[in-house]
Amino acid sequence: MCFLCGLFNSFVVNYLARLRVTTHVTTAIVQRLPIPAHQHRPDAFIEIAPIARGLATRPNANALARLNACVAGVYQLTREEFAHVLDTFPLVPREERDRAMAAFVSRP
């Protein structure tokens, strides 16, 4: 559950959902989102779930940036693709988007 919450609260999955939305997000749209299965990416599950669990109890800008970087990695985005995703969030402060990109670039 925490893994899914982490995915659904990321820039990447938000972007994917917005590509399919006309007026509102329906269950049919959510069901069609490409969500990685635990058995295909156990390393991502191990990293994303605890971050999401921590963010549920207290805000942490660096943890949120790390979560977004991890999710972008799960979806195998390039730096340019992730930059494009981030650019589609003009209402999110630039500092938050820059922090997510910095975390993505510094991933091992």
PDB file of N, CA and C in Angstrom:
ATOM      1  N   MET A   1       0.820  -1.179   0.000  1.00  0.00           N
ATOM      2  CA  MET A   1       0.000   0.000   0.000  1.00  0.00           C
ATOM      3  C   MET A   1       0.877   1.260   0.000  1.00  0.00           C
ATOM      4  N   CYS A   2       1.925   1.273   0.804  1.00  0.00           N
ATOM      5  CA  CYS A   2       2.816   2.440   0.829  1.00  0.00           C
ATOM      6  C   CYS A   2       3.531   2.627  -0.505  1.00  0.00           C
ATOM      7  N   PHE A   3       3.897   1.521  -1.142  1.00  0.00           N
ATOM      8  CA  PHE A   3       4.534   1.596  -2.456  1.00  0.00           C
ATOM      9  C   PHE A   3       3.595   2.275  -3.450  1.00  0.00           C
ATOM     10  N   LEU A   4       2.337   1.849  -3.484  1.00  0.00           N
ATOM     11  CA  LEU A   4       1.358   2.458  -4.393  1.00  0.00           C
ATOM     12  C   LEU A   4       1.124   3.920  -4.059  1.00  0.00           C
ATOM     13  N   CYS A   5       1.034   4.242  -2.789  1.00  0.00           N
ATOM     14  CA  CYS A   5       0.853   5.639  -2.389  1.00  0.00           C
ATOM     15  C   CYS A   5       2.037   6.479  -2.860  1.00  0.00           C
ATOM     16  N   GLY A   6       3.229   5.936  -2.735  1.00  0.00           N
ATOM     17  CA  GLY A   6       4.412   6.644  -3.223  1.00  0.00           C
ATOM     18  C   GLY A   6       4.349   6.892  -4.718  1.00  0.00           C
ATOM     19  N   LEU A   7       3.954   5.866  -5.461  1.00  0.00           N
ATOM     20  CA  LEU A   7       3.835   6.034  -6.917  1.00  0.00           C
ATOM     21  C   LEU A   7       2.796   7.089  -7.261  1.00  0.00           C
ATOM     22  N   PHE A   8       1.616   6.976  -6.639  1.00  0.00           N
ATOM     23  CA  PHE A   8       0.523   7.888  -6.977  1.00  0.00           C
ATOM     24  C   PHE A   8       0.778   9.326  -6.524  1.00  0.00           C
ATOM     25  N   ASN A   9       1.733   9.525  -5.642  1.00  0.00           N
ATOM     26  CA  ASN A   9       2.065  10.871  -5.198  1.00  0.00           C
ATOM     27  C   ASN A   9       3.331  11.393  -5.866  1.00  0.00           C
ATOM     28  N   SER A  10       3.726  10.774  -6.959  1.00  0.00           N
ATOM     29  CA  SER A  10       4.926  11.197  -7.674  1.00  0.00           C
ATOM     30  C   SER A  10       4.561  12.040  -8.893  1.00  0.00           C
ATOM     31  N   PHE A  11       5.533  12.823  -9.350  1.00  0.00           N
ATOM     32  CA  PHE A  11       5.342  13.603 -10.562  1.00  0.00           C
ATOM     33  C   PHE A  11       5.087  12.695 -11.762  1.00  0.00           C
ATOM     34  N   VAL A  12       5.802  11.585 -11.841  1.00  0.00           N
ATOM     35  CA  VAL A  12       5.716  10.709 -13.012  1.00  0.00           C
ATOM     36  C   VAL A  12       4.322  10.111 -13.170  1.00  0.00           C
ATOM     37  N   VAL A  13       3.782   9.520 -12.118  1.00  0.00           N
ATOM     38  CA  VAL A  13       2.466   8.893 -12.238  1.00  0.00           C
ATOM     39  C   VAL A  13       1.382   9.958 -12.382  1.00  0.00           C
ATOM     40  N   ASN A  14       1.568  11.113 -11.745  1.00  0.00           N
ATOM     41  CA  ASN A  14       0.632  12.220 -11.941  1.00  0.00           C
ATOM     42  C   ASN A  14       0.622  12.621 -13.413  1.00  0.00           C
ATOM     43  N   TYR A  15       1.795  12.725 -14.001  1.00  0.00           N
ATOM     44  CA  TYR A  15       1.922  13.065 -15.422  1.00  0.00           C
ATOM     45  C   TYR A  15       1.226  12.016 -16.300  1.00  0.00           C
ATOM     46  N   LEU A  16       1.472  10.739 -16.012  1.00  0.00           N
ATOM     47  CA  LEU A  16       0.847   9.665 -16.797  1.00  0.00           C
ATOM     48  C   LEU A  16      -0.676   9.710 -16.692  1.00  0.00           C
ATOM     49  N   ALA A  17      -1.177  10.006 -15.514  1.00  0.00           N
ATOM     50  CA  ALA A  17      -2.635  10.100 -15.330  1.00  0.00           C
ATOM     51  C   ALA A  17      -3.186  11.292 -16.105  1.00  0.00           C
ATOM     52  N   ARG A  18      -2.490  12.420 -16.057  1.00  0.00           N
ATOM     53  CA  ARG A  18      -2.969  13.614 -16.767  1.00  0.00           C
ATOM     54  C   ARG A  18      -2.979  13.424 -18.279  1.00  0.00           C
ATOM     55  N   LEU A  19      -2.154  12.538 -18.799  1.00  0.00           N
ATOM     56  CA  LEU A  19      -2.178  12.262 -20.239  1.00  0.00           C
ATOM     57  C   LEU A  19      -3.492  11.609 -20.662  1.00  0.00           C
ATOM     58  N   ARG A  20      -4.151  10.943 -19.728  1.00  0.00           N
ATOM     59  CA  ARG A  20      -5.363  10.184 -20.032  1.00  0.00           C
ATOM     60  C   ARG A  20      -6.653  10.877 -19.586  1.00  0.00           C
ATOM     61  N   VAL A  21      -6.531  11.943 -18.833  1.00  0.00           N
ATOM     62  CA  VAL A  21      -7.697  12.592 -18.231  1.00  0.00           C
ATOM     63  C   VAL A  21      -8.345  13.566 -19.203  1.00  0.00           C
ATOM     64  N   THR A  22      -9.664  13.561 -19.186  1.00  0.00           N
ATOM     65  CA  THR A  22     -10.399  14.600 -19.914  1.00  0.00           C
ATOM     66  C   THR A  22     -10.936  15.615 -18.910  1.00  0.00           C
ATOM     67  N   THR A  23     -11.805  15.185 -18.003  1.00  0.00           N
ATOM     68  CA  THR A  23     -12.332  16.107 -16.992  1.00  0.00           C
ATOM     69  C   THR A  23     -11.988  15.690 -15.571  1.00  0.00           C
ATOM     70  N   HIS A  24     -11.930  14.397 -15.303  1.00  0.00           N
ATOM     71  CA  HIS A  24     -11.561  13.921 -13.974  1.00  0.00           C
ATOM     72  C   HIS A  24     -10.985  12.504 -14.066  1.00  0.00           C
ATOM     73  N   VAL A  25     -10.297  12.116 -13.019  1.00  0.00           N
ATOM     74  CA  VAL A  25      -9.663  10.792 -12.997  1.00  0.00           C
ATOM     75  C   VAL A  25     -10.702   9.758 -12.579  1.00  0.00           C
ATOM     76  N   THR A  26     -10.935   8.813 -13.460  1.00  0.00           N
ATOM     77  CA  THR A  26     -11.887   7.741 -13.176  1.00  0.00           C
ATOM     78  C   THR A  26     -11.131   6.473 -12.772  1.00  0.00           C
ATOM     79  N   THR A  27     -11.869   5.517 -12.257  1.00  0.00           N
ATOM     80  CA  THR A  27     -11.224   4.245 -11.907  1.00  0.00           C
ATOM     81  C   THR A  27     -10.680   3.563 -13.153  1.00  0.00           C
ATOM     82  N   ALA A  28     -11.341   3.750 -14.284  1.00  0.00           N
ATOM     83  CA  ALA A  28     -10.851   3.151 -15.529  1.00  0.00           C
ATOM     84  C   ALA A  28      -9.479   3.719 -15.903  1.00  0.00           C
ATOM     85  N   ILE A  29      -9.285   5.004 -15.692  1.00  0.00           N
ATOM     86  CA  ILE A  29      -7.984   5.617 -15.984  1.00  0.00           C
ATOM     87  C   ILE A  29      -6.925   5.052 -15.043  1.00  0.00           C
ATOM     88  N   VAL A  30      -7.253   4.969 -13.771  1.00  0.00           N
ATOM     89  CA  VAL A  30      -6.299   4.441 -12.788  1.00  0.00           C
ATOM     90  C   VAL A  30      -5.937   2.994 -13.121  1.00  0.00           C
ATOM     91  N   GLN A  31      -6.919   2.209 -13.528  1.00  0.00           N
ATOM     92  CA  GLN A  31      -6.664   0.805 -13.851  1.00  0.00           C
ATOM     93  C   GLN A  31      -5.747   0.658 -15.057  1.00  0.00           C
ATOM     94  N   ARG A  32      -5.725   1.642 -15.951  1.00  0.00           N
ATOM     95  CA  ARG A  32      -4.888   1.561 -17.149  1.00  0.00           C
ATOM     96  C   ARG A  32      -3.487   2.132 -16.960  1.00  0.00           C
ATOM     97  N   LEU A  33      -3.214   2.688 -15.796  1.00  0.00           N
ATOM     98  CA  LEU A  33      -1.876   3.233 -15.560  1.00  0.00           C
ATOM     99  C   LEU A  33      -0.851   2.100 -15.482  1.00  0.00           C
ATOM    100  N   PRO A  34       0.306   2.299 -16.069  1.00  0.00           N
ATOM    101  CA  PRO A  34       1.343   1.261 -16.002  1.00  0.00           C
ATOM    102  C   PRO A  34       2.032   1.271 -14.640  1.00  0.00           C
ATOM    103  N   ILE A  35       1.598   0.386 -13.767  1.00  0.00           N
ATOM    104  CA  ILE A  35       2.157   0.293 -12.414  1.00  0.00           C
ATOM    105  C   ILE A  35       3.050  -0.944 -12.343  1.00  0.00           C
ATOM    106  N   PRO A  36       4.321  -0.764 -12.005  1.00  0.00           N
ATOM    107  CA  PRO A  36       5.225  -1.923 -11.935  1.00  0.00           C
ATOM    108  C   PRO A  36       4.830  -2.861 -10.799  1.00  0.00           C
ATOM    109  N   ALA A  37       4.925  -4.133 -11.061  1.00  0.00           N
ATOM    110  CA  ALA A  37       4.621  -5.145 -10.049  1.00  0.00           C
ATOM    111  C   ALA A  37       5.818  -5.318  -9.122  1.00  0.00           C
ATOM    112  N   HIS A  38       5.544  -5.661  -7.888  1.00  0.00           N
ATOM    113  CA  HIS A  38       6.594  -5.851  -6.886  1.00  0.00           C
ATOM    114  C   HIS A  38       7.637  -6.856  -7.355  1.00  0.00           C
ATOM    115  N   GLN A  39       7.196  -7.960  -7.947  1.00  0.00           N
ATOM    116  CA  GLN A  39       8.153  -8.996  -8.342  1.00  0.00           C
ATOM    117  C   GLN A  39       9.068  -8.547  -9.480  1.00  0.00           C
ATOM    118  N   HIS A  40       8.659  -7.534 -10.252  1.00  0.00           N
ATOM    119  CA  HIS A  40       9.507  -7.054 -11.336  1.00  0.00           C
ATOM    120  C   HIS A  40      10.530  -6.027 -10.863  1.00  0.00           C
ATOM    121  N   ARG A  41      10.215  -5.320  -9.788  1.00  0.00           N
ATOM    122  CA  ARG A  41      11.128  -4.296  -9.264  1.00  0.00           C
ATOM    123  C   ARG A  41      11.175  -4.320  -7.744  1.00  0.00           C
ATOM    124  N   PRO A  42      11.626  -5.432  -7.136  1.00  0.00           N
ATOM    125  CA  PRO A  42      11.653  -5.497  -5.667  1.00  0.00           C
ATOM    126  C   PRO A  42      12.554  -4.430  -5.049  1.00  0.00           C
ATOM    127  N   ASP A  43      13.621  -4.041  -5.749  1.00  0.00           N
ATOM    128  CA  ASP A  43      14.507  -3.006  -5.230  1.00  0.00           C
ATOM    129  C   ASP A  43      13.783  -1.673  -5.094  1.00  0.00           C
ATOM    130  N   ALA A  44      12.928  -1.364  -6.066  1.00  0.00           N
ATOM    131  CA  ALA A  44      12.153  -0.122  -6.015  1.00  0.00           C
ATOM    132  C   ALA A  44      11.152  -0.166  -4.867  1.00  0.00           C
ATOM    133  N   PHE A  45      10.522  -1.309  -4.685  1.00  0.00           N
ATOM    134  CA  PHE A  45       9.563  -1.458  -3.595  1.00  0.00           C
ATOM    135  C   PHE A  45      10.256  -1.214  -2.267  1.00  0.00           C
ATOM    136  N   ILE A  46      11.435  -1.778  -2.100  1.00  0.00           N
ATOM    137  CA  ILE A  46      12.191  -1.648  -0.850  1.00  0.00           C
ATOM    138  C   ILE A  46      12.558  -0.186  -0.588  1.00  0.00           C
ATOM    139  N   GLU A  47      12.797   0.581  -1.633  1.00  0.00           N
ATOM    140  CA  GLU A  47      13.187   1.978  -1.452  1.00  0.00           C
ATOM    141  C   GLU A  47      11.982   2.916  -1.359  1.00  0.00           C
ATOM    142  N   ILE A  48      10.985   2.738  -2.199  1.00  0.00           N
ATOM    143  CA  ILE A  48       9.863   3.674  -2.275  1.00  0.00           C
ATOM    144  C   ILE A  48       8.898   3.540  -1.096  1.00  0.00           C
ATOM    145  N   ALA A  49       8.575   2.328  -0.702  1.00  0.00           N
ATOM    146  CA  ALA A  49       7.591   2.128   0.372  1.00  0.00           C
ATOM    147  C   ALA A  49       7.978   2.833   1.672  1.00  0.00           C
ATOM    148  N   PRO A  50       9.205   2.693   2.167  1.00  0.00           N
ATOM    149  CA  PRO A  50       9.546   3.386   3.417  1.00  0.00           C
ATOM    150  C   PRO A  50       9.552   4.912   3.290  1.00  0.00           C
ATOM    151  N   ILE A  51       9.949   5.414   2.128  1.00  0.00           N
ATOM    152  CA  ILE A  51       9.926   6.869   1.933  1.00  0.00           C
ATOM    153  C   ILE A  51       8.480   7.361   2.008  1.00  0.00           C
ATOM    154  N   ALA A  52       7.580   6.676   1.309  1.00  0.00           N
ATOM    155  CA  ALA A  52       6.168   7.062   1.321  1.00  0.00           C
ATOM    156  C   ALA A  52       5.593   6.961   2.731  1.00  0.00           C
ATOM    157  N   ARG A  53       5.968   5.921   3.446  1.00  0.00           N
ATOM    158  CA  ARG A  53       5.489   5.754   4.823  1.00  0.00           C
ATOM    159  C   ARG A  53       5.944   6.933   5.688  1.00  0.00           C
ATOM    160  N   GLY A  54       7.176   7.337   5.531  1.00  0.00           N
ATOM    161  CA  GLY A  54       7.689   8.479   6.300  1.00  0.00           C
ATOM    162  C   GLY A  54       7.014   9.780   5.919  1.00  0.00           C
ATOM    163  N   LEU A  55       6.771   9.985   4.631  1.00  0.00           N
ATOM    164  CA  LEU A  55       6.110  11.206   4.182  1.00  0.00           C
ATOM    165  C   LEU A  55       4.663  11.282   4.646  1.00  0.00           C
ATOM    166  N   ALA A  56       4.058  10.139   4.912  1.00  0.00           N
ATOM    167  CA  ALA A  56       2.667  10.121   5.392  1.00  0.00           C
ATOM    168  C   ALA A  56       2.566  10.690   6.803  1.00  0.00           C
ATOM    169  N   THR A  57       3.661  10.650   7.551  1.00  0.00           N
ATOM    170  CA  THR A  57       3.618  11.132   8.929  1.00  0.00           C
ATOM    171  C   THR A  57       4.233  12.514   9.109  1.00  0.00           C
ATOM    172  N   ARG A  58       5.164  12.882   8.212  1.00  0.00           N
ATOM    173  CA  ARG A  58       5.762  14.215   8.318  1.00  0.00           C
ATOM    174  C   ARG A  58       6.336  14.637   6.967  1.00  0.00           C
ATOM    175  N   PRO A  59       6.097  15.896   6.592  1.00  0.00           N
ATOM    176  CA  PRO A  59       6.649  16.401   5.333  1.00  0.00           C
ATOM    177  C   PRO A  59       8.171  16.482   5.408  1.00  0.00           C
ATOM    178  N   ASN A  60       8.807  16.187   4.299  1.00  0.00           N
ATOM    179  CA  ASN A  60      10.264  16.265   4.219  1.00  0.00           C
ATOM    180  C   ASN A  60      10.620  16.485   2.757  1.00  0.00           C
ATOM    181  N   ALA A  61      11.076  17.682   2.439  1.00  0.00           N
ATOM    182  CA  ALA A  61      11.344  18.054   1.048  1.00  0.00           C
ATOM    183  C   ALA A  61      12.382  17.145   0.394  1.00  0.00           C
ATOM    184  N   ASN A  62      13.414  16.772   1.132  1.00  0.00           N
ATOM    185  CA  ASN A  62      14.447  15.913   0.550  1.00  0.00           C
ATOM    186  C   ASN A  62      13.937  14.496   0.312  1.00  0.00           C
ATOM    187  N   ALA A  63      13.117  13.990   1.228  1.00  0.00           N
ATOM    188  CA  ALA A  63      12.536  12.653   1.042  1.00  0.00           C
ATOM    189  C   ALA A  63      11.586  12.652  -0.149  1.00  0.00           C
ATOM    190  N   LEU A  64      10.816  13.722  -0.307  1.00  0.00           N
ATOM    191  CA  LEU A  64       9.911  13.813  -1.451  1.00  0.00           C
ATOM    192  C   LEU A  64      10.703  13.843  -2.761  1.00  0.00           C
ATOM    193  N   ALA A  65      11.803  14.566  -2.777  1.00  0.00           N
ATOM    194  CA  ALA A  65      12.654  14.609  -3.973  1.00  0.00           C
ATOM    195  C   ALA A  65      13.208  13.217  -4.269  1.00  0.00           C
ATOM    196  N   ARG A  66      13.632  12.519  -3.228  1.00  0.00           N
ATOM    197  CA  ARG A  66      14.160  11.160  -3.410  1.00  0.00           C
ATOM    198  C   ARG A  66      13.077  10.221  -3.922  1.00  0.00           C
ATOM    199  N   LEU A  67      11.865  10.346  -3.388  1.00  0.00           N
ATOM    200  CA  LEU A  67      10.751   9.528  -3.859  1.00  0.00           C
ATOM    201  C   LEU A  67      10.524   9.759  -5.349  1.00  0.00           C
ATOM    202  N   ASN A  68      10.471  11.023  -5.770  1.00  0.00           N
ATOM    203  CA  ASN A  68      10.249  11.330  -7.175  1.00  0.00           C
ATOM    204  C   ASN A  68      11.378  10.820  -8.054  1.00  0.00           C
ATOM    205  N   ALA A  69      12.598  10.901  -7.559  1.00  0.00           N
ATOM    206  CA  ALA A  69      13.741  10.387  -8.319  1.00  0.00           C
ATOM    207  C   ALA A  69      13.662   8.869  -8.446  1.00  0.00           C
ATOM    208  N   CYS A  70      13.290   8.196  -7.374  1.00  0.00           N
ATOM    209  CA  CYS A  70      13.160   6.727  -7.411  1.00  0.00           C
ATOM    210  C   CYS A  70      12.073   6.300  -8.398  1.00  0.00           C
ATOM    211  N   VAL A  71      10.946   6.972  -8.365  1.00  0.00           N
ATOM    212  CA  VAL A  71       9.850   6.614  -9.266  1.00  0.00           C
ATOM    213  C   VAL A  71      10.269   6.853 -10.715  1.00  0.00           C
ATOM    214  N   ALA A  72      10.941   7.954 -10.987  1.00  0.00           N
ATOM    215  CA  ALA A  72      11.432   8.201 -12.345  1.00  0.00           C
ATOM    216  C   ALA A  72      12.389   7.094 -12.773  1.00  0.00           C
ATOM    217  N   GLY A  73      13.185   6.598 -11.838  1.00  0.00           N
ATOM    218  CA  GLY A  73      14.083   5.481 -12.133  1.00  0.00           C
ATOM    219  C   GLY A  73      13.328   4.199 -12.420  1.00  0.00           C
ATOM    220  N   VAL A  74      12.261   3.941 -11.674  1.00  0.00           N
ATOM    221  CA  VAL A  74      11.443   2.747 -11.903  1.00  0.00           C
ATOM    222  C   VAL A  74      10.882   2.752 -13.322  1.00  0.00           C
ATOM    223  N   TYR A  75      10.474   3.928 -13.771  1.00  0.00           N
ATOM    224  CA  TYR A  75       9.918   4.039 -15.121  1.00  0.00           C
ATOM    225  C   TYR A  75      11.005   4.217 -16.180  1.00  0.00           C
ATOM    226  N   GLN A  76      12.248   4.117 -15.763  1.00  0.00           N
ATOM    227  CA  GLN A  76      13.416   4.154 -16.649  1.00  0.00           C
ATOM    228  C   GLN A  76      13.460   5.415 -17.511  1.00  0.00           C
ATOM    229  N   LEU A  77      13.135   6.539 -16.886  1.00  0.00           N
ATOM    230  CA  LEU A  77      13.187   7.801 -17.617  1.00  0.00           C
ATOM    231  C   LEU A  77      14.625   8.269 -17.763  1.00  0.00           C
ATOM    232  N   THR A  78      14.896   8.923 -18.866  1.00  0.00           N
ATOM    233  CA  THR A  78      16.185   9.589 -19.048  1.00  0.00           C
ATOM    234  C   THR A  78      16.116  10.938 -18.340  1.00  0.00           C
ATOM    235  N   ARG A  79      17.233  11.580 -18.227  1.00  0.00           N
ATOM    236  CA  ARG A  79      17.267  12.915 -17.618  1.00  0.00           C
ATOM    237  C   ARG A  79      16.365  13.873 -18.400  1.00  0.00           C
ATOM    238  N   GLU A  80      16.417  13.804 -19.714  1.00  0.00           N
ATOM    239  CA  GLU A  80      15.608  14.689 -20.548  1.00  0.00           C
ATOM    240  C   GLU A  80      14.117  14.401 -20.384  1.00  0.00           C
ATOM    241  N   GLU A  81      13.758  13.142 -20.296  1.00  0.00           N
ATOM    242  CA  GLU A  81      12.346  12.782 -20.116  1.00  0.00           C
ATOM    243  C   GLU A  81      11.827  13.249 -18.757  1.00  0.00           C
ATOM    244  N   PHE A  82      12.640  13.065 -17.727  1.00  0.00           N
ATOM    245  CA  PHE A  82      12.212  13.515 -16.408  1.00  0.00           C
ATOM    246  C   PHE A  82      12.115  15.037 -16.369  1.00  0.00           C
ATOM    247  N   ALA A  83      13.039  15.726 -17.033  1.00  0.00           N
ATOM    248  CA  ALA A  83      12.970  17.189 -17.112  1.00  0.00           C
ATOM    249  C   ALA A  83      11.672  17.623 -17.788  1.00  0.00           C
ATOM    250  N   HIS A  84      11.281  16.914 -18.839  1.00  0.00           N
ATOM    251  CA  HIS A  84      10.013  17.226 -19.509  1.00  0.00           C
ATOM    252  C   HIS A  84       8.838  17.042 -18.551  1.00  0.00           C
ATOM    253  N   VAL A  85       8.818  15.920 -17.831  1.00  0.00           N
ATOM    254  CA  VAL A  85       7.740  15.670 -16.862  1.00  0.00           C
ATOM    255  C   VAL A  85       7.691  16.811 -15.855  1.00  0.00           C
ATOM    256  N   LEU A  86       8.824  17.186 -15.305  1.00  0.00           N
ATOM    257  CA  LEU A  86       8.864  18.252 -14.303  1.00  0.00           C
ATOM    258  C   LEU A  86       8.386  19.588 -14.874  1.00  0.00           C
ATOM    259  N   ASP A  87       8.691  19.849 -16.132  1.00  0.00           N
ATOM    260  CA  ASP A  87       8.267  21.102 -16.762  1.00  0.00           C
ATOM    261  C   ASP A  87       6.752  21.192 -16.946  1.00  0.00           C
ATOM    262  N   THR A  88       6.064  20.075 -16.836  1.00  0.00           N
ATOM    263  CA  THR A  88       4.607  20.100 -16.992  1.00  0.00           C
ATOM    264  C   THR A  88       3.900  20.450 -15.674  1.00  0.00           C
ATOM    265  N   PHE A  89       4.672  20.819 -14.657  1.00  0.00           N
ATOM    266  CA  PHE A  89       4.128  21.202 -13.351  1.00  0.00           C
ATOM    267  C   PHE A  89       4.493  22.655 -13.034  1.00  0.00           C
ATOM    268  N   PRO A  90       3.998  23.612 -13.833  1.00  0.00           N
ATOM    269  CA  PRO A  90       4.403  25.004 -13.620  1.00  0.00           C
ATOM    270  C   PRO A  90       3.926  25.594 -12.290  1.00  0.00           C
ATOM    271  N   LEU A  91       2.911  25.003 -11.670  1.00  0.00           N
ATOM    272  CA  LEU A  91       2.417  25.525 -10.397  1.00  0.00           C
ATOM    273  C   LEU A  91       3.203  25.012  -9.194  1.00  0.00           C
ATOM    274  N   VAL A  92       4.041  23.997  -9.419  1.00  0.00           N
ATOM    275  CA  VAL A  92       4.905  23.485  -8.352  1.00  0.00           C
ATOM    276  C   VAL A  92       6.141  24.382  -8.313  1.00  0.00           C
ATOM    277  N   PRO A  93       6.521  24.849  -7.138  1.00  0.00           N
ATOM    278  CA  PRO A  93       7.695  25.735  -7.065  1.00  0.00           C
ATOM    279  C   PRO A  93       8.927  25.138  -7.746  1.00  0.00           C
ATOM    280  N   ARG A  94       9.640  25.982  -8.462  1.00  0.00           N
ATOM    281  CA  ARG A  94      10.838  25.563  -9.202  1.00  0.00           C
ATOM    282  C   ARG A  94      11.822  24.862  -8.268  1.00  0.00           C
ATOM    283  N   GLU A  95      11.941  25.353  -7.043  1.00  0.00           N
ATOM    284  CA  GLU A  95      12.873  24.747  -6.084  1.00  0.00           C
ATOM    285  C   GLU A  95      12.538  23.267  -5.838  1.00  0.00           C
ATOM    286  N   GLU A  96      11.264  22.943  -5.727  1.00  0.00           N
ATOM    287  CA  GLU A  96      10.851  21.551  -5.503  1.00  0.00           C
ATOM    288  C   GLU A  96      11.172  20.683  -6.720  1.00  0.00           C
ATOM    289  N   ARG A  97      10.920  21.224  -7.911  1.00  0.00           N
ATOM    290  CA  ARG A  97      11.227  20.468  -9.132  1.00  0.00           C
ATOM    291  C   ARG A  97      12.731  20.304  -9.306  1.00  0.00           C
ATOM    292  N   ASP A  98      13.495  21.355  -9.000  1.00  0.00           N
ATOM    293  CA  ASP A  98      14.957  21.270  -9.096  1.00  0.00           C
ATOM    294  C   ASP A  98      15.516  20.252  -8.110  1.00  0.00           C
ATOM    295  N   ARG A  99      14.931  20.200  -6.921  1.00  0.00           N
ATOM    296  CA  ARG A  99      15.372  19.233  -5.912  1.00  0.00           C
ATOM    297  C   ARG A  99      15.136  17.812  -6.407  1.00  0.00           C
ATOM    298  N   ALA A 100      13.990  17.580  -7.055  1.00  0.00           N
ATOM    299  CA  ALA A 100      13.686  16.251  -7.603  1.00  0.00           C
ATOM    300  C   ALA A 100      14.691  15.882  -8.701  1.00  0.00           C
ATOM    301  N   MET A 101      15.006  16.832  -9.554  1.00  0.00           N
ATOM    302  CA  MET A 101      15.978  16.561 -10.620  1.00  0.00           C
ATOM    303  C   MET A 101      17.361  16.295 -10.044  1.00  0.00           C
ATOM    304  N   ALA A 102      17.758  17.057  -9.054  1.00  0.00           N
ATOM    305  CA  ALA A 102      19.073  16.838  -8.429  1.00  0.00           C
ATOM    306  C   ALA A 102      19.139  15.447  -7.811  1.00  0.00           C
ATOM    307  N   ALA A 103      18.070  15.020  -7.164  1.00  0.00           N
ATOM    308  CA  ALA A 103      18.039  13.676  -6.576  1.00  0.00           C
ATOM    309  C   ALA A 103      18.088  12.617  -7.662  1.00  0.00           C
ATOM    310  N   PHE A 104      17.432  12.868  -8.786  1.00  0.00           N
ATOM    311  CA  PHE A 104      17.434  11.916  -9.911  1.00  0.00           C
ATOM    312  C   PHE A 104      18.840  11.780 -10.490  1.00  0.00           C
ATOM    313  N   VAL A 105      19.502  12.900 -10.688  1.00  0.00           N
ATOM    314  CA  VAL A 105      20.851  12.901 -11.281  1.00  0.00           C
ATOM    315  C   VAL A 105      21.861  12.238 -10.342  1.00  0.00           C
ATOM    316  N   SER A 106      21.674  12.392  -9.037  1.00  0.00           N
ATOM    317  CA  SER A 106      22.644  11.850  -8.089  1.00  0.00           C
ATOM    318  C   SER A 106      22.381  10.379  -7.720  1.00  0.00           C
ATOM    319  N   ARG A 107      21.311   9.787  -8.277  1.00  0.00           N
ATOM    320  CA  ARG A 107      21.033   8.355  -8.002  1.00  0.00           C
ATOM    321  C   ARG A 107      22.174   7.495  -8.505  1.00  0.00           C
ATOM    322  N   PRO A 108      22.454   6.392  -7.808  1.00  0.00           N
ATOM    323  CA  PRO A 108      23.543   5.501  -8.264  1.00  0.00           C
ATOM    324  C   PRO A 108      23.191   4.797  -9.565  1.00  0.00           C
TER     325      PRO A 108
END
